[in-house]
Every structure is written in C-alpha cells, then in structure tokens.
Amino acid sequence: MDAQMNPDQAAVPNQVGKSNQTLVMEFVLQGFSEYPELQLPLFGCFFSLFTVALMGNILIIAIITYSSSLRSPMYFFLFNLATMDIICTSSVLPKVLVGLASEENTISFQGCMAQLFFLVWSLSSELLLLTVMAYDRYVAICRPLHYTTLMGPWVCGALATAVWAICALNSSIHTGLMAQLSFCGSNVITHFFCEIPPLLLLSCSPTYLNSIMTVLADAFYGFINFMLTLVSYGFIISSILRIRSAEGKRRAFSTCSSHLIVVSIYYSAVFCAYISPASDYSPERSKVAGVLYTTLSPTLNPLIYTLRNKEVKAALGKVFPFCRN
C-alpha cells in the first residue's frame, strides 16, 4: 500500500509553519491489507462476531430490563457492561467491515477523532466497571450481612454514573490533545482503527504531553484498577476457603467465576496493547490485542454471563420459551 498522501484529498498546505509540509486531513487505515488472500474470510469472521456481539449484548440489556428477578446490583452493572460493549464494537467494527469489503479504507480526521473518543471512553469505562464489579462480589461474599446497605440502589447508581463521567472526561482529554497535534508526511495508520500509539507516531509536532497523559491513564486504568481487582479477589478467595462445606465453596465461587473469566481476558488484551512505550509499538501485536478487546471480548461477555448463570438462563427461558432447554 502506498504510504504517501494524495495531496488533493488527504492534506492541505501548512499555513502556520514556513516549511512546505502538508497537514493530514484524512487517514488511511492499513487494516489487514498485507493479507489480501484473507480479506474475504476475515470479512465473514468479523461480520459474524459483530452480529453475535451486538445481538448478545442487546439481549442481555433486554432481559435485565424486563425481568423482575434480575434486579440485584450485579445485573445492574452487567447492564452497563453490555452497553459499553455495544459502544466499543459499534465504534470500530463497521469501519473494519467497510475496509475489508473495499480496496481503500480511509477515514477523515474528524471521523478518526470521533472513533478515538468513543473507543477510549468505552474501553476505560469497562476497565473501571470491572473493578466496581469486583468490589460488588467482595461485598456479596465477604460482607453478606451488609450487602443491601453497602450496595443499595443509590450507591450503585452513583458508582455507575461516576464510571461513565470519569471515563468521558478521560476520553475528552486524550481526544482533545490528539486533535491539537499536526500530522504531516505519511497518513497511514498501521492498525484497523484509530488508536493512540500509532497516531502519536504519525505526528510531526511534539507529543510529550500526550505521552505523559497516556502513561498516567495506563497507570490508573491498567495498574491501579488491576491491583484493586486483585485485592478484592484476594479477600474473596480467603473467605471462600474458610467455608467448611464443599457445596458452599462451589456456590460462592460460582457467583464470581464469570466476572473472573471476563477480567482475565480483558486485562490480558489491554496489557498487551497499551502497557508499553509508544516507541516499542508493534503493529502486529497491537492488531491481535485490538481484535481481543474490541471484538472477541464483547462477543464472549454475553455468552459467559448467560451460559454460566442460572438466573440469567431462567429469565431468558421466561422471555423466550424456546430457550428453556
């Protein structure tokens, strides 16, 4: 693929500097163009995963909304998680499918910034929400007598609102800083969506502040939230081990096993993609990680929470009688 811009379409003269450089007005998403023989199979794979992810998460939202038996804090947070998954997949996969179906995959500067905003918003919200869900499981297992007080409706609503608001602010900061950068020279993003590391590598203006904010966000959303989740599960496992009966241990662990699986998958992908300096950015590694957290994780989450949860399966059977078996 040609890595140079089309001056008539993708750039305009730089009126600020004295050089004759051009500013990028349009990006080319490399996607999976290095594997032309896989374009059709990849299209079928991404289309199938997108359909399953979209329908699965919509189904989760519908079941929790209309089922009176799913009114606990755990399902309230699962409702929010499904909403975040829909935002994540919808901000990335339609453009991926267009790129796989056409010979050239371009995205405007404004479109790239919009995609970056919704992607960072949903990804950071999911990381923070997984920590809140770990705390919810900690209270349910370690402090069951105080559960209704510590996780009342007002507390759950405040936690969910804080997650959405904090992460929207975080995404606005990153997107705003990125929009202030100048992009000149090559306009090829070595990814299948607009992501912070490859965009910083394309910038021809200083990215020091962007890098600092990225490191701070990585420290908070990656390291601190991960440690808080580990601490919560440390207390949970300790409490489960003190249960005398094998059946009691099994029932206690079953209430948090689905969340633990989702956390393991999600953090593995995010650490692989983001916990490294921009100078060590690897396009291939980032693409694999991107598939995991933008496609595979939102697809698996509804399946994990339904197939491993008796209450959700019972509610699904009431709404759709043909699903009872």
Protein backbone atom coordinates (compact mmCIF):
# COMPACT_ATOMS: atom_id res chain seq x y z
CA MET A 1 0.00 0.00 0.00
CA ASP A 2 1.24 3.43 -0.87
CA ALA A 3 2.17 5.22 2.35
CA GLN A 4 2.12 8.71 0.84
CA MET A 5 -0.81 11.06 0.89
CA ASN A 6 -2.88 12.18 -2.03
CA PRO A 7 -2.31 15.97 -1.83
CA ASP A 8 -5.68 16.70 -3.41
CA GLN A 9 -7.66 14.61 -0.93
CA ALA A 10 -5.75 13.93 2.26
CA ALA A 11 -3.81 17.09 3.03
CA VAL A 12 -3.77 20.86 2.82
CA PRO A 13 -0.77 23.24 2.85
CA ASN A 14 0.55 24.19 6.28
CA GLN A 15 -0.23 27.88 6.58
CA VAL A 16 1.31 28.20 10.05
CA GLY A 17 4.86 27.00 9.54
CA LYS A 18 7.30 28.32 6.98
CA SER A 19 8.03 24.90 5.54
CA ASN A 20 6.15 23.49 2.59
CA GLN A 21 4.86 20.50 4.58
CA THR A 22 1.24 19.42 4.25
CA LEU A 23 -1.22 18.70 7.06
CA VAL A 24 -3.16 15.45 7.02
CA MET A 25 -6.93 15.83 6.64
CA GLU A 26 -7.57 12.14 6.02
CA PHE A 27 -6.02 8.91 7.25
CA VAL A 28 -5.61 5.53 5.59
CA LEU A 29 -6.30 2.58 7.86
CA GLN A 30 -3.88 -0.19 6.98
CA GLY A 31 -6.19 -2.81 8.42
CA PHE A 32 -5.31 -6.26 7.13
CA SER A 33 -4.27 -5.18 3.64
CA GLU A 34 -0.97 -7.04 3.98
CA TYR A 35 -3.00 -10.26 3.76
CA PRO A 36 -5.08 -9.81 0.57
CA GLU A 37 -5.87 -13.51 0.36
CA LEU A 38 -7.58 -13.34 3.77
CA GLN A 39 -9.85 -10.35 3.07
CA LEU A 40 -12.97 -12.43 2.38
CA PRO A 41 -12.52 -14.91 5.29
CA LEU A 42 -11.76 -12.01 7.64
CA PHE A 43 -14.87 -10.17 6.49
CA GLY A 44 -17.00 -13.22 7.24
CA CYS A 45 -15.32 -13.68 10.62
CA PHE A 46 -15.66 -10.04 11.71
CA PHE A 47 -19.24 -9.82 10.43
CA SER A 48 -20.22 -12.93 12.38
CA LEU A 49 -18.51 -11.74 15.56
CA PHE A 50 -20.04 -8.26 15.24
CA THR A 51 -23.51 -9.74 14.79
CA VAL A 52 -23.13 -12.07 17.78
CA ALA A 53 -21.67 -9.30 19.96
CA LEU A 54 -24.41 -6.83 19.03
CA MET A 55 -27.31 -9.25 19.39
CA GLY A 56 -25.89 -10.87 22.53
CA ASN A 57 -25.42 -7.59 24.38
CA ILE A 58 -28.79 -6.24 23.24
CA LEU A 59 -30.34 -9.47 24.54
CA ILE A 60 -28.59 -9.04 27.91
CA ILE A 61 -29.91 -5.46 28.16
CA ALA A 62 -33.43 -6.55 27.22
CA ILE A 63 -33.51 -9.46 29.70
CA ILE A 64 -32.23 -7.34 32.61
CA THR A 65 -34.66 -4.53 31.74
CA TYR A 66 -37.79 -6.67 31.54
CA SER A 67 -37.05 -9.42 34.09
CA SER A 68 -38.12 -8.61 37.66
CA SER A 69 -35.85 -11.38 39.01
CA LEU A 70 -32.69 -9.63 37.79
CA ARG A 71 -32.74 -6.53 39.96
CA SER A 72 -29.58 -7.08 42.02
CA PRO A 73 -26.52 -4.78 41.74
CA MET A 74 -24.61 -7.46 39.81
CA TYR A 75 -27.12 -7.33 36.95
CA PHE A 76 -27.30 -3.55 37.06
CA PHE A 77 -23.55 -3.43 36.44
CA LEU A 78 -23.86 -6.16 33.80
CA PHE A 79 -26.41 -3.92 32.04
CA ASN A 80 -23.79 -1.15 31.96
CA LEU A 81 -21.10 -3.57 30.78
CA ALA A 82 -23.27 -4.70 27.86
CA THR A 83 -23.90 -1.06 26.91
CA MET A 84 -20.16 -0.36 26.91
CA ASP A 85 -19.54 -3.42 24.73
CA ILE A 86 -22.08 -2.18 22.18
CA ILE A 87 -20.39 1.24 22.04
CA CYS A 88 -16.96 -0.38 21.67
CA THR A 89 -17.85 -2.74 18.83
CA SER A 90 -20.06 -0.19 17.04
CA SER A 91 -17.28 2.41 17.01
CA VAL A 92 -14.78 0.05 15.36
CA LEU A 93 -16.23 -2.93 13.50
CA PRO A 94 -18.47 -1.21 10.90
CA LYS A 95 -15.42 0.65 9.60
CA VAL A 96 -13.40 -2.58 9.64
CA LEU A 97 -16.05 -4.32 7.55
CA VAL A 98 -16.09 -1.43 5.05
CA GLY A 99 -12.30 -1.63 4.77
CA LEU A 100 -12.34 -5.38 4.17
CA ALA A 101 -15.06 -5.02 1.52
CA SER A 102 -13.33 -2.19 -0.40
CA GLU A 103 -9.88 -1.69 -1.87
CA GLU A 104 -9.14 1.51 0.04
CA ASN A 105 -10.00 2.18 3.66
CA THR A 106 -9.85 5.88 4.53
CA ILE A 107 -11.21 7.84 7.47
CA SER A 108 -11.45 11.61 7.84
CA PHE A 109 -9.56 13.42 10.58
CA GLN A 110 -12.85 14.25 12.32
CA GLY A 111 -14.05 10.67 11.95
CA CYS A 112 -10.80 9.39 13.40
CA MET A 113 -11.09 11.66 16.42
CA ALA A 114 -14.73 10.60 16.96
CA GLN A 115 -13.76 6.94 16.77
CA LEU A 116 -10.89 7.54 19.20
CA PHE A 117 -13.21 9.28 21.68
CA PHE A 118 -15.85 6.53 21.77
CA LEU A 119 -13.26 3.76 21.82
CA VAL A 120 -11.25 5.24 24.71
CA TRP A 121 -14.50 6.05 26.54
CA SER A 122 -15.83 2.50 26.29
CA LEU A 123 -12.50 0.78 26.99
CA SER A 124 -11.66 2.86 30.07
CA SER A 125 -15.25 2.58 31.32
CA GLU A 126 -15.09 -1.18 31.04
CA LEU A 127 -11.83 -1.37 33.00
CA LEU A 128 -13.24 0.83 35.76
CA LEU A 129 -16.56 -1.01 35.79
CA LEU A 130 -14.81 -4.39 36.13
CA THR A 131 -13.17 -3.02 39.29
CA VAL A 132 -16.57 -1.90 40.61
CA MET A 133 -17.98 -5.34 39.83
CA ALA A 134 -15.08 -6.96 41.71
CA TYR A 135 -15.95 -4.78 44.72
CA ASP A 136 -19.58 -5.84 44.40
CA ARG A 137 -18.54 -9.52 44.54
CA TYR A 138 -16.29 -8.77 47.51
CA VAL A 139 -19.17 -7.23 49.48
CA ALA A 140 -21.54 -10.06 48.48
CA ILE A 141 -19.18 -12.83 49.63
CA CYS A 142 -17.13 -11.23 52.40
CA ARG A 143 -19.76 -8.93 53.97
CA PRO A 144 -23.13 -10.50 53.06
CA LEU A 145 -24.98 -9.09 56.07
CA HIS A 146 -24.15 -5.53 54.98
CA TYR A 147 -24.68 -6.12 51.25
CA THR A 148 -28.04 -4.36 50.91
CA THR A 149 -26.64 -1.32 52.73
CA LEU A 150 -23.26 -1.07 51.04
CA MET A 151 -24.65 -1.82 47.57
CA GLY A 152 -28.03 -0.12 47.71
CA PRO A 153 -29.68 1.38 44.59
CA TRP A 154 -28.37 4.87 45.29
CA VAL A 155 -24.80 3.60 45.76
CA CYS A 156 -24.94 1.52 42.57
CA GLY A 157 -26.33 4.44 40.59
CA ALA A 158 -23.63 6.76 41.93
CA LEU A 159 -20.87 4.25 41.08
CA ALA A 160 -22.15 3.73 37.53
CA THR A 161 -22.55 7.47 36.96
CA ALA A 162 -19.02 8.08 38.27
CA VAL A 163 -17.62 5.44 35.92
CA TRP A 164 -19.28 6.96 32.84
CA ALA A 165 -18.41 10.55 33.82
CA ILE A 166 -14.77 9.96 34.81
CA CYS A 167 -14.08 7.97 31.66
CA ALA A 168 -15.84 10.52 29.43
CA LEU A 169 -13.57 13.18 30.91
CA ASN A 170 -10.52 10.96 30.35
CA SER A 171 -11.52 10.31 26.74
CA SER A 172 -12.19 14.02 26.13
CA ILE A 173 -8.71 14.91 27.38
CA HIS A 174 -6.97 12.33 25.17
CA THR A 175 -9.05 13.20 22.11
CA GLY A 176 -8.61 16.94 22.65
CA LEU A 177 -4.83 16.61 22.99
CA MET A 178 -4.71 14.41 19.89
CA ALA A 179 -6.79 16.89 17.89
CA GLN A 180 -4.26 19.64 18.69
CA LEU A 181 -1.40 17.73 17.07
CA SER A 182 -0.24 18.30 13.49
CA PHE A 183 0.01 15.30 11.21
CA CYS A 184 2.17 15.57 8.13
CA GLY A 185 4.03 13.17 5.88
CA SER A 186 2.65 9.63 5.91
CA ASN A 187 -1.04 9.31 6.73
CA VAL A 188 -1.16 5.51 7.03
CA ILE A 189 -2.32 4.24 10.42
CA THR A 190 -0.80 0.80 10.94
CA HIS A 191 -3.95 -0.54 12.58
CA PHE A 192 -7.58 -1.28 11.70
CA PHE A 193 -8.89 1.62 13.81
CA CYS A 194 -7.68 4.94 15.21
CA GLU A 195 -5.61 4.23 18.30
CA ILE A 196 -3.36 6.47 20.40
CA PRO A 197 0.09 4.82 19.87
CA PRO A 198 0.08 4.70 16.02
CA LEU A 199 -1.39 8.21 15.82
CA LEU A 200 1.38 9.60 18.04
CA LEU A 201 3.97 8.01 15.76
CA LEU A 202 2.48 9.86 12.77
CA SER A 203 2.51 13.28 14.41
CA CYS A 204 5.07 15.85 13.30
CA SER A 205 4.51 18.04 16.37
CA PRO A 206 5.70 17.42 19.97
CA THR A 207 3.79 14.61 21.68
CA TYR A 208 5.33 14.93 25.15
CA LEU A 209 2.09 15.98 26.88
CA ASN A 210 0.13 13.25 25.07
CA SER A 211 2.65 10.65 26.19
CA ILE A 212 2.52 11.86 29.80
CA MET A 213 -1.29 11.69 29.88
CA THR A 214 -1.21 8.25 28.26
CA VAL A 215 1.20 6.96 30.92
CA LEU A 216 -0.98 8.41 33.69
CA ALA A 217 -4.08 6.81 32.19
CA ASP A 218 -2.26 3.48 31.83
CA ALA A 219 -1.19 3.69 35.48
CA PHE A 220 -4.72 4.42 36.69
CA TYR A 221 -6.84 2.23 34.42
CA GLY A 222 -4.32 -0.54 33.97
CA PHE A 223 -2.17 -0.90 37.07
CA ILE A 224 -4.25 0.64 39.91
CA ASN A 225 -7.56 -0.90 38.82
CA PHE A 226 -5.89 -4.24 38.22
CA MET A 227 -4.37 -4.17 41.71
CA LEU A 228 -7.72 -3.22 43.26
CA THR A 229 -9.32 -6.16 41.45
CA LEU A 230 -6.59 -8.49 42.70
CA VAL A 231 -7.07 -7.24 46.27
CA SER A 232 -10.84 -7.82 46.03
CA TYR A 233 -10.33 -11.36 44.79
CA GLY A 234 -7.68 -11.98 47.43
CA PHE A 235 -10.30 -11.30 50.12
CA ILE A 236 -12.91 -13.29 48.16
CA ILE A 237 -10.71 -16.38 47.85
CA SER A 238 -9.74 -16.13 51.51
CA SER A 239 -13.42 -16.05 52.51
CA ILE A 240 -14.31 -18.96 50.22
CA LEU A 241 -11.52 -21.11 51.68
CA ARG A 242 -12.95 -20.55 55.17
CA ILE A 243 -16.31 -22.03 54.12
CA ARG A 244 -16.49 -25.55 55.52
CA SER A 245 -18.82 -27.29 53.10
CA ALA A 246 -17.76 -28.12 49.55
CA GLU A 247 -21.20 -27.11 48.27
CA GLY A 248 -20.90 -23.71 49.98
CA LYS A 249 -17.49 -23.15 48.40
CA ARG A 250 -18.83 -24.11 44.97
CA ARG A 251 -21.83 -21.78 45.24
CA ALA A 252 -19.69 -18.88 46.46
CA PHE A 253 -17.16 -19.30 43.69
CA SER A 254 -19.87 -19.65 41.01
CA THR A 255 -21.11 -16.13 41.80
CA CYS A 256 -17.80 -14.57 40.75
CA SER A 257 -16.33 -17.07 38.26
CA SER A 258 -17.91 -15.38 35.21
CA HIS A 259 -16.53 -11.98 36.23
CA LEU A 260 -13.09 -13.50 36.85
CA ILE A 261 -13.03 -15.00 33.35
CA VAL A 262 -14.01 -11.68 31.76
CA VAL A 263 -11.37 -9.81 33.78
CA SER A 264 -8.65 -12.27 32.72
CA ILE A 265 -9.48 -11.98 29.02
CA TYR A 266 -9.85 -8.20 29.04
CA TYR A 267 -6.76 -7.29 31.04
CA SER A 268 -4.60 -9.68 29.00
CA ALA A 269 -5.56 -7.88 25.80
CA VAL A 270 -5.25 -4.36 27.25
CA PHE A 271 -1.85 -5.01 28.83
CA CYS A 272 -0.60 -6.44 25.55
CA ALA A 273 -1.78 -3.38 23.60
CA TYR A 274 -1.14 -0.43 25.92
CA ILE A 275 1.34 -1.19 28.71
CA SER A 276 4.44 -0.32 26.69
CA PRO A 277 6.10 2.88 25.43
CA ALA A 278 4.94 4.31 22.09
CA SER A 279 8.47 3.76 20.74
CA ASP A 280 8.03 -0.01 21.30
CA TYR A 281 4.74 -0.07 19.39
CA SER A 282 4.28 -3.28 17.40
CA PRO A 283 1.56 -3.14 14.71
CA GLU A 284 1.05 -6.91 14.58
CA ARG A 285 0.85 -7.31 18.35
CA SER A 286 -1.49 -4.34 18.63
CA LYS A 287 -3.81 -5.70 15.94
CA VAL A 288 -4.09 -9.05 17.71
CA ALA A 289 -4.79 -7.32 21.03
CA GLY A 290 -7.26 -4.97 19.30
CA VAL A 291 -9.23 -7.94 17.97
CA LEU A 292 -9.37 -9.36 21.50
CA TYR A 293 -10.74 -6.29 23.29
CA THR A 294 -12.87 -4.73 20.53
CA THR A 295 -14.32 -7.91 19.02
CA LEU A 296 -13.73 -11.12 20.94
CA SER A 297 -14.33 -9.82 24.47
CA PRO A 298 -17.68 -8.10 23.66
CA THR A 299 -18.73 -11.30 21.87
CA LEU A 300 -17.78 -13.62 24.71
CA ASN A 301 -19.11 -11.49 27.60
CA PRO A 302 -22.83 -12.20 26.94
CA LEU A 303 -22.07 -15.90 26.41
CA ILE A 304 -20.01 -16.15 29.62
CA TYR A 305 -22.63 -14.39 31.73
CA THR A 306 -25.58 -16.34 30.28
CA LEU A 307 -24.18 -19.86 29.88
CA ARG A 308 -22.66 -19.81 33.40
CA ASN A 309 -25.53 -18.08 35.19
CA LYS A 310 -28.68 -19.95 36.21
CA GLU A 311 -30.67 -16.78 36.97
CA VAL A 312 -29.99 -15.29 33.54
CA LYS A 313 -30.84 -18.58 31.83
CA ALA A 314 -34.08 -18.81 33.82
CA ALA A 315 -35.02 -15.24 32.86
CA LEU A 316 -34.12 -15.99 29.24
CA GLY A 317 -36.42 -19.02 29.34
CA LYS A 318 -39.31 -16.87 30.60
CA VAL A 319 -38.86 -14.27 27.87
CA PHE A 320 -38.12 -16.82 25.12
CA PRO A 321 -39.79 -20.17 25.95
CA PHE A 322 -37.92 -21.94 23.16
CA CYS A 323 -34.65 -21.24 25.07
CA ARG A 324 -35.68 -23.18 28.20
CA ASN A 325 -33.75 -26.28 27.17
